[in-house]
N, C-alpha and C. Protein backbone atom coordinates (compact mmCIF):
# COMPACT_ATOMS: atom_id res chain seq x y z
N MET A 1 90.58 98.20 109.92
CA MET A 1 91.15 96.94 109.77
C MET A 1 92.07 96.95 108.46
N PRO A 2 93.45 96.48 108.67
CA PRO A 2 94.37 96.61 107.71
C PRO A 2 93.84 96.01 106.30
N GLY A 3 94.23 96.45 105.17
CA GLY A 3 93.84 96.16 103.91
C GLY A 3 94.03 94.73 103.62
N LEU A 4 95.24 94.16 103.98
CA LEU A 4 95.43 92.75 103.82
C LEU A 4 94.70 91.79 104.60
N LEU A 5 94.07 92.24 105.50
CA LEU A 5 93.12 91.45 106.33
C LEU A 5 91.61 91.33 106.13
N GLN A 6 91.29 92.25 105.07
CA GLN A 6 89.81 92.63 104.85
C GLN A 6 89.33 91.44 103.82
N THR A 7 88.02 91.15 103.98
CA THR A 7 87.34 90.24 103.23
C THR A 7 87.09 91.05 101.81
N GLU A 8 86.67 90.20 100.86
CA GLU A 8 86.57 90.82 99.30
C GLU A 8 85.46 91.79 99.55
N GLY A 9 84.37 91.55 100.32
CA GLY A 9 83.22 92.45 100.45
C GLY A 9 83.55 93.81 101.13
N ARG A 10 84.36 93.67 102.12
CA ARG A 10 84.86 94.83 102.92
C ARG A 10 85.68 95.74 102.10
N ALA A 11 86.65 95.17 101.34
CA ALA A 11 87.51 95.90 100.51
C ALA A 11 86.71 96.68 99.36
N ARG A 12 85.88 95.89 98.64
CA ARG A 12 84.93 96.46 97.67
C ARG A 12 84.11 97.52 98.26
N ALA A 13 83.57 97.31 99.43
CA ALA A 13 82.73 98.41 100.00
C ALA A 13 83.65 99.80 100.24
N LEU A 14 84.81 99.54 100.70
CA LEU A 14 85.66 100.79 101.09
C LEU A 14 86.03 101.42 99.55
N PHE A 15 86.35 100.75 98.51
CA PHE A 15 86.59 101.23 97.26
C PHE A 15 85.42 101.94 96.85
N ALA A 16 84.08 101.56 97.13
CA ALA A 16 83.05 102.12 96.49
C ALA A 16 82.74 103.44 97.19
N GLN A 17 83.32 103.71 98.43
CA GLN A 17 82.98 104.84 99.24
C GLN A 17 84.15 105.96 98.79
N HIS A 18 85.07 105.69 97.85
CA HIS A 18 86.09 106.65 97.42
C HIS A 18 85.52 107.92 96.82
N CYS A 19 86.22 108.94 97.08
CA CYS A 19 85.79 110.24 96.67
C CYS A 19 87.02 110.94 96.00
N PRO A 20 86.89 111.17 94.77
CA PRO A 20 85.67 111.04 93.78
C PRO A 20 85.52 109.46 93.56
N PRO A 21 84.14 109.13 93.29
CA PRO A 21 83.71 107.83 92.93
C PRO A 21 84.63 107.07 91.80
N LEU A 22 84.86 105.81 92.17
CA LEU A 22 85.56 105.09 91.26
C LEU A 22 84.65 104.14 90.32
N SER A 23 84.90 103.98 89.20
CA SER A 23 84.14 103.22 88.24
C SER A 23 84.08 101.73 88.71
N GLU A 24 83.14 100.97 88.46
CA GLU A 24 83.04 99.56 88.77
C GLU A 24 84.36 98.76 88.42
N GLU A 25 84.68 99.16 87.05
CA GLU A 25 85.99 98.43 86.61
C GLU A 25 87.14 98.74 87.61
N THR A 26 87.19 99.96 87.93
CA THR A 26 88.49 100.38 88.83
C THR A 26 88.19 99.67 90.17
N ILE A 27 87.16 99.51 90.66
CA ILE A 27 86.88 99.01 91.89
C ILE A 27 87.18 97.50 91.81
N ASP A 28 86.76 96.81 90.73
CA ASP A 28 87.10 95.42 90.50
C ASP A 28 88.77 95.23 90.48
N GLN A 29 89.45 96.16 89.71
CA GLN A 29 90.86 96.05 89.58
C GLN A 29 91.47 96.26 91.04
N HIS A 30 91.00 97.21 91.71
CA HIS A 30 91.62 97.33 93.15
C HIS A 30 91.36 96.29 93.95
N THR A 31 90.23 95.60 94.05
CA THR A 31 89.81 94.63 94.72
C THR A 31 90.65 93.25 94.49
N GLU A 32 90.76 93.02 93.22
CA GLU A 32 91.70 91.85 92.82
C GLU A 32 93.11 92.09 93.24
N ALA A 33 93.58 93.35 93.16
CA ALA A 33 95.02 93.54 93.44
C ALA A 33 95.02 93.24 94.95
N ARG A 34 94.27 93.73 95.76
CA ARG A 34 94.25 93.48 97.27
C ARG A 34 94.18 91.91 97.56
N LEU A 35 93.22 91.27 96.88
CA LEU A 35 93.11 89.86 97.12
C LEU A 35 94.43 89.23 96.60
N SER A 36 95.01 89.56 95.62
CA SER A 36 96.27 88.93 95.15
C SER A 36 97.46 89.08 96.24
N ARG A 37 97.51 90.30 96.76
CA ARG A 37 98.54 90.65 97.71
C ARG A 37 98.27 89.61 99.05
N GLN A 38 96.99 89.53 99.27
CA GLN A 38 96.64 88.54 100.63
C GLN A 38 97.17 87.21 100.36
N LYS A 39 97.08 86.67 99.12
CA LYS A 39 97.54 85.28 98.84
C LYS A 39 99.00 85.17 99.11
N LEU A 40 99.84 86.27 99.24
CA LEU A 40 101.29 86.19 99.36
C LEU A 40 101.45 85.87 101.02
N LEU A 41 100.48 86.26 101.84
CA LEU A 41 100.63 85.83 103.31
C LEU A 41 100.42 84.38 103.54
N THR A 42 99.85 83.61 102.60
CA THR A 42 99.55 82.25 103.02
C THR A 42 100.19 81.14 101.84
N ARG A 43 101.03 81.81 100.88
CA ARG A 43 101.57 80.84 99.99
C ARG A 43 102.68 80.05 100.60
N VAL A 44 102.90 78.97 99.97
CA VAL A 44 104.18 78.02 100.28
C VAL A 44 105.10 77.86 99.26
N PRO A 45 106.16 78.08 99.41
CA PRO A 45 106.84 78.52 100.44
C PRO A 45 106.70 79.93 100.73
N LEU A 46 106.89 80.29 102.08
CA LEU A 46 106.76 81.68 102.49
C LEU A 46 107.84 82.40 101.86
N ALA A 47 107.54 83.76 101.68
CA ALA A 47 108.64 84.78 101.22
C ALA A 47 109.57 84.89 102.32
N GLU A 48 110.86 85.15 101.94
CA GLU A 48 111.85 85.30 103.01
C GLU A 48 112.33 86.79 102.83
N LEU A 49 112.78 87.25 103.96
CA LEU A 49 113.22 88.59 104.20
C LEU A 49 114.71 88.56 104.20
N SER A 50 115.36 89.39 103.40
CA SER A 50 116.72 89.64 103.49
C SER A 50 116.98 90.99 103.46
N LEU A 51 118.10 91.46 104.17
CA LEU A 51 118.45 92.82 104.17
C LEU A 51 119.89 92.96 103.58
N PRO A 52 120.05 94.10 103.11
CA PRO A 52 121.47 94.34 102.41
C PRO A 52 122.59 94.45 103.58
N ASP A 53 123.75 94.07 103.20
CA ASP A 53 124.85 94.17 104.20
C ASP A 53 124.96 95.58 104.89
N TRP A 54 124.75 96.57 104.17
CA TRP A 54 124.86 98.07 104.70
C TRP A 54 123.78 98.26 105.73
N TRP A 55 122.86 97.35 106.04
CA TRP A 55 121.62 97.67 106.89
C TRP A 55 122.26 97.37 108.36
N GLY A 56 123.37 96.82 108.55
CA GLY A 56 123.78 96.35 109.81
C GLY A 56 123.35 97.06 111.05
N GLY A 57 123.36 96.25 112.15
CA GLY A 57 122.89 96.79 113.40
C GLY A 57 124.10 97.51 114.14
N PRO A 58 123.99 97.73 115.47
CA PRO A 58 125.06 98.52 116.22
C PRO A 58 126.55 97.94 116.12
N ALA A 59 126.52 96.59 115.89
CA ALA A 59 127.90 96.10 115.70
C ALA A 59 128.52 96.39 114.46
N LYS A 60 127.87 96.49 113.35
CA LYS A 60 128.42 96.77 112.08
C LYS A 60 128.45 98.40 111.71
N SER A 61 127.62 99.13 112.46
CA SER A 61 127.71 100.63 112.23
C SER A 61 128.63 101.30 113.11
N GLY A 62 129.13 100.56 114.17
CA GLY A 62 129.96 101.16 115.04
C GLY A 62 129.44 101.70 116.24
N GLY A 63 128.05 101.54 116.32
CA GLY A 63 127.42 102.08 117.50
C GLY A 63 127.57 101.12 118.68
N ARG A 64 127.35 101.63 119.89
CA ARG A 64 127.59 100.78 121.01
C ARG A 64 126.12 100.85 121.92
N ARG A 65 125.71 99.82 122.29
CA ARG A 65 124.47 99.76 123.13
C ARG A 65 124.82 100.32 124.45
N GLY A 66 123.88 101.07 125.01
CA GLY A 66 124.05 101.74 126.46
C GLY A 66 124.84 102.85 126.57
N SER A 67 125.34 103.32 125.33
CA SER A 67 126.33 104.51 125.48
C SER A 67 125.51 105.98 125.01
N HIS A 68 124.27 105.80 125.34
CA HIS A 68 123.56 107.09 125.16
C HIS A 68 123.85 107.99 126.45
N ALA A 69 123.86 109.28 126.10
CA ALA A 69 124.23 110.32 127.27
C ALA A 69 122.91 110.37 127.83
N ALA A 70 122.87 110.55 129.21
CA ALA A 70 121.65 110.75 129.84
C ALA A 70 121.35 112.15 130.05
């Protein structure tokens, strides 16, 4: 299950299985960081995605759809 969808208990259990073993303090820090990232999925307003201008698709990069050689 992806980390951002894991419950606190599941995340903590996975961190506890780490090799080499992690300290309780480190497990707590990693778990808290994961739970903080989870909150980004449900916050209001939602985060917006913006791409730089140079990211352009076929029209901006000069490529043409359907022009692949077979």
